[in-house]
Amino acid sequence: MLLLVTGVALFAVVHLLRGVAPELRQRLWDKLGEGGYKGLFSLLILSSIALIILGWRSATPQFVYAPVLSFGPVSLLLMAVAFLLFVVSGRKSRLRRLLRHPQLTGVLVWAVAHLLLNGDSRSLALFGTLALWSVLEILVINRREGAWVKEEVPGWGTELASAGVTIVVVGVLIYVHRWIAGVALF
């Protein structure tokens, strides 16, 4: 469990660095240069993901609460919403006019969907921490960036393309989930 917690903590700290310690980030940037800083950032994030994977696989789950198995369909719908938010985070979308941070909101929705169906210690460590991190990251970014300037409303073709990409991504993830997480969804 220590590897999992270390990996999630490293992931959160590295991402929060820019917002909570801008002076440290700037010193690293000045010392390492843009390429060196981005390389170090990437190395730390990849290391955190490796620790999360190794920690997940090596941790013996202890049940903390009873999952709500009847929420399976709700959880699947939440997952589709989460991936739609991931897709629109890099595109113009009407959703981006409603949500300032669609990708981080997607992480929060993704984490909640998993917490509904998984009541064990390692799920709580991973999904609970990432849910808290996403909320904290939204607050830090909002404080740093100030007022929100909304984008123009895109055409419906853009919205339909985002929905199509989301359907394909969700379909693929449903299919490969058994190999990624060791649990078949259907």
N, C-alpha and C. Protein backbone atom coordinates (compact mmCIF):
# COMPACT_ATOMS: atom_id res chain seq x y z
N MET A 1 0.82 -1.19 0.00
CA MET A 1 0.00 0.00 0.00
C MET A 1 0.86 1.26 0.00
N LEU A 2 2.06 1.15 0.56
CA LEU A 2 2.97 2.30 0.63
C LEU A 2 3.33 2.79 -0.77
N LEU A 3 3.58 1.87 -1.71
CA LEU A 3 3.91 2.28 -3.08
C LEU A 3 2.76 3.03 -3.71
N LEU A 4 1.54 2.55 -3.52
CA LEU A 4 0.35 3.19 -4.08
C LEU A 4 0.19 4.61 -3.53
N VAL A 5 0.26 4.75 -2.22
CA VAL A 5 0.10 6.06 -1.59
C VAL A 5 1.23 7.00 -2.02
N THR A 6 2.45 6.49 -2.10
CA THR A 6 3.59 7.30 -2.54
C THR A 6 3.39 7.76 -3.98
N GLY A 7 2.92 6.87 -4.84
CA GLY A 7 2.68 7.22 -6.23
C GLY A 7 1.61 8.28 -6.39
N VAL A 8 0.50 8.13 -5.68
CA VAL A 8 -0.59 9.11 -5.77
C VAL A 8 -0.13 10.46 -5.20
N ALA A 9 0.61 10.42 -4.08
CA ALA A 9 1.10 11.66 -3.48
C ALA A 9 2.08 12.37 -4.42
N LEU A 10 2.99 11.62 -5.04
CA LEU A 10 3.95 12.21 -5.98
C LEU A 10 3.21 12.84 -7.16
N PHE A 11 2.22 12.14 -7.70
CA PHE A 11 1.42 12.65 -8.82
C PHE A 11 0.78 13.99 -8.44
N ALA A 12 0.15 14.04 -7.27
CA ALA A 12 -0.55 15.24 -6.84
C ALA A 12 0.42 16.39 -6.58
N VAL A 13 1.51 16.12 -5.87
CA VAL A 13 2.47 17.18 -5.53
C VAL A 13 3.11 17.78 -6.78
N VAL A 14 3.51 16.94 -7.71
CA VAL A 14 4.15 17.44 -8.93
C VAL A 14 3.17 18.32 -9.71
N HIS A 15 1.92 17.90 -9.80
CA HIS A 15 0.93 18.70 -10.52
C HIS A 15 0.59 20.00 -9.80
N LEU A 16 0.58 19.97 -8.48
CA LEU A 16 0.23 21.16 -7.71
C LEU A 16 1.38 22.16 -7.59
N LEU A 17 2.58 21.76 -7.93
CA LEU A 17 3.77 22.60 -7.73
C LEU A 17 3.62 23.99 -8.32
N ARG A 18 3.14 24.07 -9.54
CA ARG A 18 3.02 25.37 -10.22
C ARG A 18 2.11 26.33 -9.46
N GLY A 19 1.03 25.79 -8.89
CA GLY A 19 0.08 26.66 -8.22
C GLY A 19 0.40 26.98 -6.77
N VAL A 20 0.99 26.02 -6.05
CA VAL A 20 1.22 26.25 -4.62
C VAL A 20 2.65 26.68 -4.31
N ALA A 21 3.58 26.44 -5.21
CA ALA A 21 4.98 26.84 -4.98
C ALA A 21 5.56 27.42 -6.27
N PRO A 22 5.01 28.54 -6.76
CA PRO A 22 5.49 29.08 -8.03
C PRO A 22 6.95 29.51 -8.00
N GLU A 23 7.43 29.92 -6.81
CA GLU A 23 8.84 30.34 -6.72
C GLU A 23 9.78 29.15 -6.92
N LEU A 24 9.43 28.01 -6.31
CA LEU A 24 10.23 26.80 -6.47
C LEU A 24 10.20 26.35 -7.92
N ARG A 25 9.02 26.38 -8.52
CA ARG A 25 8.90 25.99 -9.92
C ARG A 25 9.77 26.90 -10.79
N GLN A 26 9.73 28.20 -10.54
CA GLN A 26 10.51 29.14 -11.33
C GLN A 26 12.01 28.93 -11.14
N ARG A 27 12.45 28.63 -9.91
CA ARG A 27 13.87 28.34 -9.67
C ARG A 27 14.31 27.10 -10.44
N LEU A 28 13.46 26.05 -10.41
CA LEU A 28 13.79 24.84 -11.17
C LEU A 28 13.84 25.14 -12.67
N TRP A 29 12.88 25.91 -13.14
CA TRP A 29 12.82 26.29 -14.56
C TRP A 29 14.09 27.04 -14.95
N ASP A 30 14.49 28.01 -14.12
CA ASP A 30 15.69 28.80 -14.41
C ASP A 30 16.95 27.95 -14.38
N LYS A 31 17.02 27.04 -13.43
CA LYS A 31 18.21 26.21 -13.28
C LYS A 31 18.31 25.14 -14.37
N LEU A 32 17.18 24.50 -14.69
CA LEU A 32 17.19 23.38 -15.64
C LEU A 32 16.88 23.78 -17.07
N GLY A 33 16.29 24.95 -17.26
CA GLY A 33 15.83 25.35 -18.57
C GLY A 33 14.49 24.70 -18.86
N GLU A 34 13.85 25.16 -19.93
CA GLU A 34 12.52 24.63 -20.26
C GLU A 34 12.54 23.13 -20.50
N GLY A 35 13.47 22.67 -21.32
CA GLY A 35 13.56 21.24 -21.63
C GLY A 35 13.86 20.39 -20.40
N GLY A 36 14.80 20.86 -19.59
CA GLY A 36 15.16 20.12 -18.39
C GLY A 36 14.01 20.05 -17.39
N TYR A 37 13.31 21.18 -17.23
CA TYR A 37 12.18 21.20 -16.31
C TYR A 37 11.08 20.26 -16.80
N LYS A 38 10.74 20.37 -18.08
CA LYS A 38 9.68 19.51 -18.62
C LYS A 38 10.09 18.04 -18.58
N GLY A 39 11.37 17.76 -18.80
CA GLY A 39 11.86 16.39 -18.70
C GLY A 39 11.75 15.85 -17.29
N LEU A 40 12.14 16.67 -16.31
CA LEU A 40 12.03 16.26 -14.90
C LEU A 40 10.57 16.05 -14.52
N PHE A 41 9.69 16.98 -14.94
CA PHE A 41 8.26 16.86 -14.67
C PHE A 41 7.72 15.55 -15.24
N SER A 42 8.06 15.28 -16.49
CA SER A 42 7.59 14.05 -17.15
C SER A 42 8.12 12.81 -16.45
N LEU A 43 9.39 12.83 -16.08
CA LEU A 43 9.99 11.69 -15.38
C LEU A 43 9.29 11.44 -14.04
N LEU A 44 9.01 12.51 -13.31
CA LEU A 44 8.33 12.36 -12.02
C LEU A 44 6.90 11.84 -12.20
N ILE A 45 6.19 12.32 -13.21
CA ILE A 45 4.82 11.85 -13.45
C ILE A 45 4.84 10.39 -13.88
N LEU A 46 5.73 10.02 -14.79
CA LEU A 46 5.83 8.61 -15.21
C LEU A 46 6.21 7.72 -14.02
N SER A 47 7.10 8.21 -13.16
CA SER A 47 7.47 7.46 -11.97
C SER A 47 6.28 7.29 -11.04
N SER A 48 5.48 8.35 -10.90
CA SER A 48 4.30 8.26 -10.02
C SER A 48 3.31 7.24 -10.57
N ILE A 49 3.13 7.21 -11.87
CA ILE A 49 2.21 6.24 -12.48
C ILE A 49 2.73 4.83 -12.29
N ALA A 50 4.04 4.64 -12.45
CA ALA A 50 4.62 3.31 -12.22
C ALA A 50 4.43 2.88 -10.77
N LEU A 51 4.64 3.80 -9.83
CA LEU A 51 4.42 3.48 -8.42
C LEU A 51 2.95 3.15 -8.14
N ILE A 52 2.05 3.88 -8.77
CA ILE A 52 0.62 3.61 -8.59
C ILE A 52 0.28 2.21 -9.09
N ILE A 53 0.78 1.86 -10.27
CA ILE A 53 0.49 0.54 -10.84
C ILE A 53 1.09 -0.57 -9.97
N LEU A 54 2.37 -0.42 -9.62
CA LEU A 54 3.01 -1.43 -8.76
C LEU A 54 2.34 -1.51 -7.40
N GLY A 55 2.00 -0.35 -6.85
CA GLY A 55 1.33 -0.32 -5.55
C GLY A 55 -0.05 -0.95 -5.59
N TRP A 56 -0.79 -0.69 -6.65
CA TRP A 56 -2.13 -1.27 -6.80
C TRP A 56 -2.04 -2.79 -6.85
N ARG A 57 -1.11 -3.26 -7.66
CA ARG A 57 -0.99 -4.71 -7.84
C ARG A 57 -0.44 -5.42 -6.61
N SER A 58 0.37 -4.74 -5.81
CA SER A 58 0.98 -5.40 -4.66
C SER A 58 0.17 -5.23 -3.37
N ALA A 59 -0.75 -4.27 -3.35
CA ALA A 59 -1.53 -4.02 -2.13
C ALA A 59 -2.61 -5.08 -1.94
N THR A 60 -2.77 -5.52 -0.71
CA THR A 60 -3.86 -6.43 -0.37
C THR A 60 -5.04 -5.57 0.07
N PRO A 61 -6.13 -5.58 -0.71
CA PRO A 61 -7.25 -4.70 -0.37
C PRO A 61 -7.97 -5.15 0.90
N GLN A 62 -8.28 -4.19 1.73
CA GLN A 62 -9.08 -4.39 2.94
C GLN A 62 -10.38 -3.63 2.73
N PHE A 63 -11.51 -4.28 2.99
CA PHE A 63 -12.78 -3.60 2.77
C PHE A 63 -13.02 -2.55 3.84
N VAL A 64 -13.36 -1.34 3.40
CA VAL A 64 -13.59 -0.20 4.27
C VAL A 64 -15.10 0.07 4.38
N TYR A 65 -15.80 -0.09 3.26
CA TYR A 65 -17.25 0.10 3.24
C TYR A 65 -17.83 -0.81 2.16
N ALA A 66 -19.13 -1.05 2.27
CA ALA A 66 -19.81 -1.91 1.30
C ALA A 66 -20.11 -1.09 0.05
N PRO A 67 -19.60 -1.54 -1.11
CA PRO A 67 -19.89 -0.81 -2.34
C PRO A 67 -21.37 -0.93 -2.71
N VAL A 68 -21.83 0.02 -3.47
CA VAL A 68 -23.23 0.05 -3.88
C VAL A 68 -23.33 -0.59 -5.26
N LEU A 69 -23.42 -1.91 -5.30
CA LEU A 69 -23.39 -2.64 -6.56
C LEU A 69 -24.55 -2.29 -7.48
N SER A 70 -25.68 -1.88 -6.92
CA SER A 70 -26.82 -1.51 -7.76
C SER A 70 -26.54 -0.21 -8.52
N PHE A 71 -25.46 0.49 -8.17
CA PHE A 71 -25.09 1.71 -8.88
C PHE A 71 -24.27 1.42 -10.13
N GLY A 72 -24.16 0.16 -10.53
CA GLY A 72 -23.39 -0.19 -11.71
C GLY A 72 -23.75 0.63 -12.94
N PRO A 73 -25.05 0.68 -13.31
CA PRO A 73 -25.43 1.49 -14.47
C PRO A 73 -25.15 2.99 -14.27
N VAL A 74 -25.37 3.48 -13.05
CA VAL A 74 -25.09 4.89 -12.76
C VAL A 74 -23.59 5.16 -12.91
N SER A 75 -22.79 4.24 -12.40
CA SER A 75 -21.34 4.38 -12.48
C SER A 75 -20.88 4.38 -13.94
N LEU A 76 -21.44 3.51 -14.75
CA LEU A 76 -21.08 3.46 -16.17
C LEU A 76 -21.46 4.77 -16.86
N LEU A 77 -22.62 5.31 -16.53
CA LEU A 77 -23.03 6.60 -17.09
C LEU A 77 -22.07 7.71 -16.64
N LEU A 78 -21.69 7.70 -15.36
CA LEU A 78 -20.72 8.68 -14.87
C LEU A 78 -19.39 8.57 -15.60
N MET A 79 -18.99 7.33 -15.90
CA MET A 79 -17.74 7.14 -16.63
C MET A 79 -17.83 7.74 -18.03
N ALA A 80 -18.97 7.56 -18.69
CA ALA A 80 -19.15 8.15 -20.02
C ALA A 80 -19.07 9.68 -19.93
N VAL A 81 -19.70 10.25 -18.91
CA VAL A 81 -19.63 11.70 -18.71
C VAL A 81 -18.18 12.13 -18.46
N ALA A 82 -17.46 11.36 -17.63
CA ALA A 82 -16.06 11.69 -17.34
C ALA A 82 -15.23 11.71 -18.62
N PHE A 83 -15.42 10.72 -19.47
CA PHE A 83 -14.62 10.67 -20.70
C PHE A 83 -15.05 11.73 -21.70
N LEU A 84 -16.34 12.10 -21.71
CA LEU A 84 -16.76 13.23 -22.54
C LEU A 84 -16.05 14.49 -22.07
N LEU A 85 -15.96 14.67 -20.75
CA LEU A 85 -15.25 15.84 -20.22
C LEU A 85 -13.77 15.81 -20.58
N PHE A 86 -13.15 14.62 -20.57
CA PHE A 86 -11.75 14.51 -21.00
C PHE A 86 -11.61 14.93 -22.46
N VAL A 87 -12.53 14.46 -23.30
CA VAL A 87 -12.47 14.76 -24.74
C VAL A 87 -12.63 16.25 -24.98
N VAL A 88 -13.63 16.88 -24.35
CA VAL A 88 -13.88 18.30 -24.63
C VAL A 88 -12.86 19.22 -23.97
N SER A 89 -12.03 18.69 -23.08
CA SER A 89 -11.05 19.56 -22.42
C SER A 89 -10.04 20.12 -23.41
N GLY A 90 -9.83 19.45 -24.51
CA GLY A 90 -8.88 19.92 -25.52
C GLY A 90 -9.53 20.45 -26.77
N ARG A 91 -10.86 20.67 -26.72
CA ARG A 91 -11.60 21.13 -27.90
C ARG A 91 -12.56 22.23 -27.48
N LYS A 92 -13.03 22.97 -28.46
CA LYS A 92 -14.12 23.91 -28.17
C LYS A 92 -15.38 23.10 -27.93
N SER A 93 -16.17 23.55 -26.96
CA SER A 93 -17.39 22.82 -26.62
C SER A 93 -18.30 23.70 -25.78
N ARG A 94 -19.59 23.43 -25.87
CA ARG A 94 -20.54 24.12 -25.01
C ARG A 94 -20.29 23.76 -23.54
N LEU A 95 -19.80 22.55 -23.30
CA LEU A 95 -19.48 22.15 -21.93
C LEU A 95 -18.37 23.01 -21.33
N ARG A 96 -17.46 23.45 -22.17
CA ARG A 96 -16.37 24.31 -21.68
C ARG A 96 -16.88 25.69 -21.30
N ARG A 97 -18.08 26.02 -21.71
CA ARG A 97 -18.70 27.28 -21.27
C ARG A 97 -19.40 27.10 -19.93
N LEU A 98 -19.70 25.84 -19.57
CA LEU A 98 -20.34 25.55 -18.29
C LEU A 98 -19.33 25.18 -17.22
N LEU A 99 -18.24 24.53 -17.63
CA LEU A 99 -17.22 24.05 -16.70
C LEU A 99 -15.87 24.66 -17.07
N ARG A 100 -15.27 25.34 -16.15
CA ARG A 100 -13.97 25.96 -16.42
C ARG A 100 -12.87 24.91 -16.60
N HIS A 101 -13.00 23.79 -15.89
CA HIS A 101 -11.96 22.76 -15.90
C HIS A 101 -12.57 21.40 -16.22
N PRO A 102 -12.92 21.16 -17.49
CA PRO A 102 -13.58 19.89 -17.80
C PRO A 102 -12.72 18.66 -17.52
N GLN A 103 -11.42 18.73 -17.75
CA GLN A 103 -10.58 17.55 -17.52
C GLN A 103 -10.50 17.22 -16.04
N LEU A 104 -10.28 18.21 -15.20
CA LEU A 104 -10.22 17.97 -13.76
C LEU A 104 -11.59 17.55 -13.21
N THR A 105 -12.66 18.13 -13.75
CA THR A 105 -14.00 17.71 -13.37
C THR A 105 -14.22 16.26 -13.80
N GLY A 106 -13.70 15.90 -14.96
CA GLY A 106 -13.77 14.52 -15.44
C GLY A 106 -13.04 13.56 -14.50
N VAL A 107 -11.89 13.97 -13.98
CA VAL A 107 -11.16 13.14 -13.01
C VAL A 107 -12.02 12.94 -11.76
N LEU A 108 -12.66 14.00 -11.31
CA LEU A 108 -13.52 13.91 -10.13
C LEU A 108 -14.69 12.96 -10.38
N VAL A 109 -15.35 13.08 -11.51
CA VAL A 109 -16.48 12.20 -11.85
C VAL A 109 -16.00 10.75 -11.98
N TRP A 110 -14.86 10.55 -12.63
CA TRP A 110 -14.26 9.21 -12.80
C TRP A 110 -13.98 8.58 -11.43
N ALA A 111 -13.41 9.38 -10.53
CA ALA A 111 -13.08 8.87 -9.20
C ALA A 111 -14.34 8.51 -8.42
N VAL A 112 -15.35 9.36 -8.46
CA VAL A 112 -16.60 9.08 -7.75
C VAL A 112 -17.26 7.82 -8.31
N ALA A 113 -17.26 7.67 -9.62
CA ALA A 113 -17.84 6.47 -10.24
C ALA A 113 -17.16 5.21 -9.72
N HIS A 114 -15.86 5.25 -9.57
CA HIS A 114 -15.13 4.09 -9.06
C HIS A 114 -15.36 3.88 -7.56
N LEU A 115 -15.49 4.96 -6.81
CA LEU A 115 -15.73 4.83 -5.38
C LEU A 115 -17.11 4.26 -5.08
N LEU A 116 -18.07 4.48 -5.97
CA LEU A 116 -19.40 3.90 -5.78
C LEU A 116 -19.37 2.38 -5.81
N LEU A 117 -18.46 1.82 -6.61
CA LEU A 117 -18.44 0.38 -6.82
C LEU A 117 -17.29 -0.35 -6.14
N ASN A 118 -16.38 0.39 -5.53
CA ASN A 118 -15.21 -0.23 -4.91
C ASN A 118 -15.03 0.30 -3.49
N GLY A 119 -15.25 -0.54 -2.51
CA GLY A 119 -15.16 -0.10 -1.12
C GLY A 119 -13.92 -0.56 -0.40
N ASP A 120 -12.86 -0.85 -1.14
CA ASP A 120 -11.65 -1.36 -0.48
C ASP A 120 -10.62 -0.25 -0.28
N SER A 121 -9.63 -0.56 0.55
CA SER A 121 -8.62 0.41 0.96
C SER A 121 -7.81 0.96 -0.21
N ARG A 122 -7.42 0.11 -1.14
CA ARG A 122 -6.60 0.62 -2.24
C ARG A 122 -7.41 1.49 -3.18
N SER A 123 -8.70 1.17 -3.37
CA SER A 123 -9.57 2.03 -4.19
C SER A 123 -9.77 3.38 -3.52
N LEU A 124 -9.96 3.35 -2.22
CA LEU A 124 -10.12 4.60 -1.48
C LEU A 124 -8.84 5.43 -1.56
N ALA A 125 -7.69 4.78 -1.45
CA ALA A 125 -6.41 5.50 -1.55
C ALA A 125 -6.24 6.12 -2.93
N LEU A 126 -6.52 5.37 -3.98
CA LEU A 126 -6.32 5.87 -5.34
C LEU A 126 -7.41 6.85 -5.75
N PHE A 127 -8.65 6.38 -5.78
CA PHE A 127 -9.74 7.20 -6.31
C PHE A 127 -10.11 8.34 -5.36
N GLY A 128 -10.08 8.08 -4.05
CA GLY A 128 -10.38 9.14 -3.10
C GLY A 128 -9.36 10.26 -3.14
N THR A 129 -8.08 9.90 -3.21
CA THR A 129 -7.04 10.91 -3.26
C THR A 129 -7.08 11.69 -4.56
N LEU A 130 -7.32 11.00 -5.68
CA LEU A 130 -7.40 11.71 -6.96
C LEU A 130 -8.63 12.62 -7.01
N ALA A 131 -9.72 12.23 -6.36
CA ALA A 131 -10.90 13.11 -6.29
C ALA A 131 -10.54 14.38 -5.51
N LEU A 132 -9.90 14.21 -4.36
CA LEU A 132 -9.50 15.37 -3.56
C LEU A 132 -8.50 16.24 -4.31
N TRP A 133 -7.55 15.60 -4.98
CA TRP A 133 -6.55 16.35 -5.75
C TRP A 133 -7.21 17.18 -6.84
N SER A 134 -8.18 16.60 -7.55
CA SER A 134 -8.82 17.33 -8.65
C SER A 134 -9.53 18.59 -8.14
N VAL A 135 -10.21 18.47 -7.00
CA VAL A 135 -10.89 19.64 -6.42
C VAL A 135 -9.86 20.69 -6.00
N LEU A 136 -8.81 20.25 -5.33
CA LEU A 136 -7.75 21.17 -4.89
C LEU A 136 -7.09 21.84 -6.09
N GLU A 137 -6.82 21.07 -7.13
CA GLU A 137 -6.19 21.62 -8.33
C GLU A 137 -7.08 22.68 -8.98
N ILE A 138 -8.38 22.44 -9.03
CA ILE A 138 -9.32 23.42 -9.59
C ILE A 138 -9.25 24.72 -8.79
N LEU A 139 -9.25 24.61 -7.47
CA LEU A 139 -9.20 25.80 -6.62
C LEU A 139 -7.89 26.56 -6.80
N VAL A 140 -6.79 25.84 -6.88
CA VAL A 140 -5.47 26.47 -7.04
C VAL A 140 -5.38 27.17 -8.39
N ILE A 141 -5.84 26.52 -9.44
CA ILE A 141 -5.79 27.13 -10.78
C ILE A 141 -6.69 28.36 -10.84
N ASN A 142 -7.88 28.26 -10.27
CA ASN A 142 -8.79 29.42 -10.28
C ASN A 142 -8.16 30.61 -9.56
N ARG A 143 -7.51 30.35 -8.44
CA ARG A 143 -6.85 31.43 -7.69
C ARG A 143 -5.71 32.03 -8.52
N ARG A 144 -4.94 31.19 -9.18
CA ARG A 144 -3.79 31.65 -9.94
C ARG A 144 -4.19 32.42 -11.19
N GLU A 145 -5.23 31.93 -11.89
CA GLU A 145 -5.58 32.51 -13.19
C GLU A 145 -6.59 33.64 -13.12
N GLY A 146 -7.29 33.79 -12.01
CA GLY A 146 -8.24 34.89 -11.88
C GLY A 146 -9.53 34.65 -12.65
N ALA A 147 -10.08 35.72 -13.20
CA ALA A 147 -11.39 35.67 -13.85
C ALA A 147 -11.39 34.69 -15.03
N TRP A 148 -12.52 34.05 -15.20
CA TRP A 148 -12.70 33.05 -16.26
C TRP A 148 -13.24 33.74 -17.50
N VAL A 149 -12.51 33.59 -18.61
CA VAL A 149 -12.95 34.10 -19.90
C VAL A 149 -13.49 32.92 -20.69
N LYS A 150 -14.79 32.96 -20.99
CA LYS A 150 -15.44 31.85 -21.69
C LYS A 150 -15.19 31.92 -23.19
N GLU A 151 -15.11 30.74 -23.79
CA GLU A 151 -14.86 30.65 -25.23
C GLU A 151 -16.14 30.88 -26.02
N GLU A 152 -15.96 31.03 -27.32
CA GLU A 152 -17.12 31.14 -28.21
C GLU A 152 -17.83 29.80 -28.28
N VAL A 153 -19.10 29.84 -28.61
CA VAL A 153 -19.88 28.61 -28.75
C VAL A 153 -19.53 27.96 -30.10
N PRO A 154 -19.11 26.70 -30.09
CA PRO A 154 -18.76 26.04 -31.35
C PRO A 154 -20.02 25.56 -32.08
N GLY A 155 -19.83 25.12 -33.31
CA GLY A 155 -20.95 24.57 -34.08
C GLY A 155 -21.31 23.18 -33.59
N TRP A 156 -22.49 22.73 -34.00
CA TRP A 156 -22.96 21.42 -33.57
C TRP A 156 -22.12 20.28 -34.13
N GLY A 157 -21.45 20.52 -35.24
CA GLY A 157 -20.56 19.49 -35.80
C GLY A 157 -19.43 19.16 -34.83
N THR A 158 -18.89 20.17 -34.19
CA THR A 158 -17.84 19.97 -33.20
C THR A 158 -18.36 19.16 -32.02
N GLU A 159 -19.59 19.48 -31.58
CA GLU A 159 -20.19 18.74 -30.46
C GLU A 159 -20.42 17.27 -30.83
N LEU A 160 -20.92 17.04 -32.04
CA LEU A 160 -21.17 15.66 -32.47
C LEU A 160 -19.87 14.88 -32.61
N ALA A 161 -18.82 15.55 -33.10
CA ALA A 161 -17.52 14.88 -33.21
C ALA A 161 -17.00 14.49 -31.82
N SER A 162 -17.15 15.38 -30.84
CA SER A 162 -16.73 15.07 -29.47
C SER A 162 -17.52 13.89 -28.91
N ALA A 163 -18.83 13.87 -29.17
CA ALA A 163 -19.65 12.75 -28.71
C ALA A 163 -19.22 11.45 -29.38
N GLY A 164 -18.90 11.50 -30.66
CA GLY A 164 -18.46 10.30 -31.38
C GLY A 164 -17.14 9.77 -30.84
N VAL A 165 -16.19 10.67 -30.60
CA VAL A 165 -14.90 10.26 -30.03
C VAL A 165 -15.13 9.63 -28.65
N THR A 166 -16.00 10.24 -27.86
CA THR A 166 -16.29 9.72 -26.52
C THR A 166 -16.87 8.32 -26.59
N ILE A 167 -17.81 8.09 -27.49
CA ILE A 167 -18.43 6.76 -27.63
C ILE A 167 -17.38 5.72 -27.98
N VAL A 168 -16.48 6.05 -28.89
CA VAL A 168 -15.43 5.11 -29.27
C VAL A 168 -14.49 4.83 -28.09
N VAL A 169 -14.07 5.89 -27.39
CA VAL A 169 -13.16 5.73 -26.26
C VAL A 169 -13.81 4.89 -25.16
N VAL A 170 -15.05 5.18 -24.83
CA VAL A 170 -15.75 4.41 -23.79
C VAL A 170 -15.89 2.96 -24.22
N GLY A 171 -16.23 2.72 -25.48
CA GLY A 171 -16.35 1.34 -25.97
C GLY A 171 -15.04 0.58 -25.85
N VAL A 172 -13.96 1.21 -26.24
CA VAL A 172 -12.64 0.57 -26.14
C VAL A 172 -12.28 0.30 -24.68
N LEU A 173 -12.53 1.28 -23.82
CA LEU A 173 -12.20 1.11 -22.40
C LEU A 173 -13.05 0.03 -21.74
N ILE A 174 -14.31 -0.08 -22.12
CA ILE A 174 -15.14 -1.17 -21.59
C ILE A 174 -14.54 -2.51 -21.99
N TYR A 175 -14.08 -2.58 -23.22
CA TYR A 175 -13.50 -3.83 -23.72
C TYR A 175 -12.18 -4.18 -23.03
N VAL A 176 -11.30 -3.19 -22.85
CA VAL A 176 -9.96 -3.47 -22.31
C VAL A 176 -9.88 -3.37 -20.78
N HIS A 177 -10.95 -2.99 -20.13
CA HIS A 177 -10.93 -2.79 -18.68
C HIS A 177 -10.46 -4.06 -17.95
N ARG A 178 -10.86 -5.21 -18.44
CA ARG A 178 -10.45 -6.47 -17.78
C ARG A 178 -8.93 -6.63 -17.77
N TRP A 179 -8.27 -6.12 -18.78
CA TRP A 179 -6.81 -6.26 -18.82
C TRP A 179 -6.11 -5.11 -18.09
N ILE A 180 -6.72 -3.95 -18.09
CA ILE A 180 -6.13 -2.81 -17.39
C ILE A 180 -6.27 -2.96 -15.89
N ALA A 181 -7.51 -3.28 -15.44
CA ALA A 181 -7.81 -3.28 -14.01
C ALA A 181 -8.05 -4.68 -13.44
N GLY A 182 -8.08 -5.68 -14.31
CA GLY A 182 -8.31 -7.04 -13.84
C GLY A 182 -9.77 -7.36 -13.55
N VAL A 183 -10.67 -6.46 -14.00
CA VAL A 183 -12.10 -6.65 -13.75
C VAL A 183 -12.84 -6.41 -15.06
N ALA A 184 -13.61 -7.42 -15.49
CA ALA A 184 -14.46 -7.25 -16.68
C ALA A 184 -15.70 -6.45 -16.27
N LEU A 185 -16.10 -5.50 -17.10
CA LEU A 185 -17.27 -4.69 -16.77
C LEU A 185 -18.58 -5.39 -17.08
N PHE A 186 -18.54 -6.32 -18.00
CA PHE A 186 -19.75 -7.07 -18.34
C PHE A 186 -19.44 -8.55 -18.37
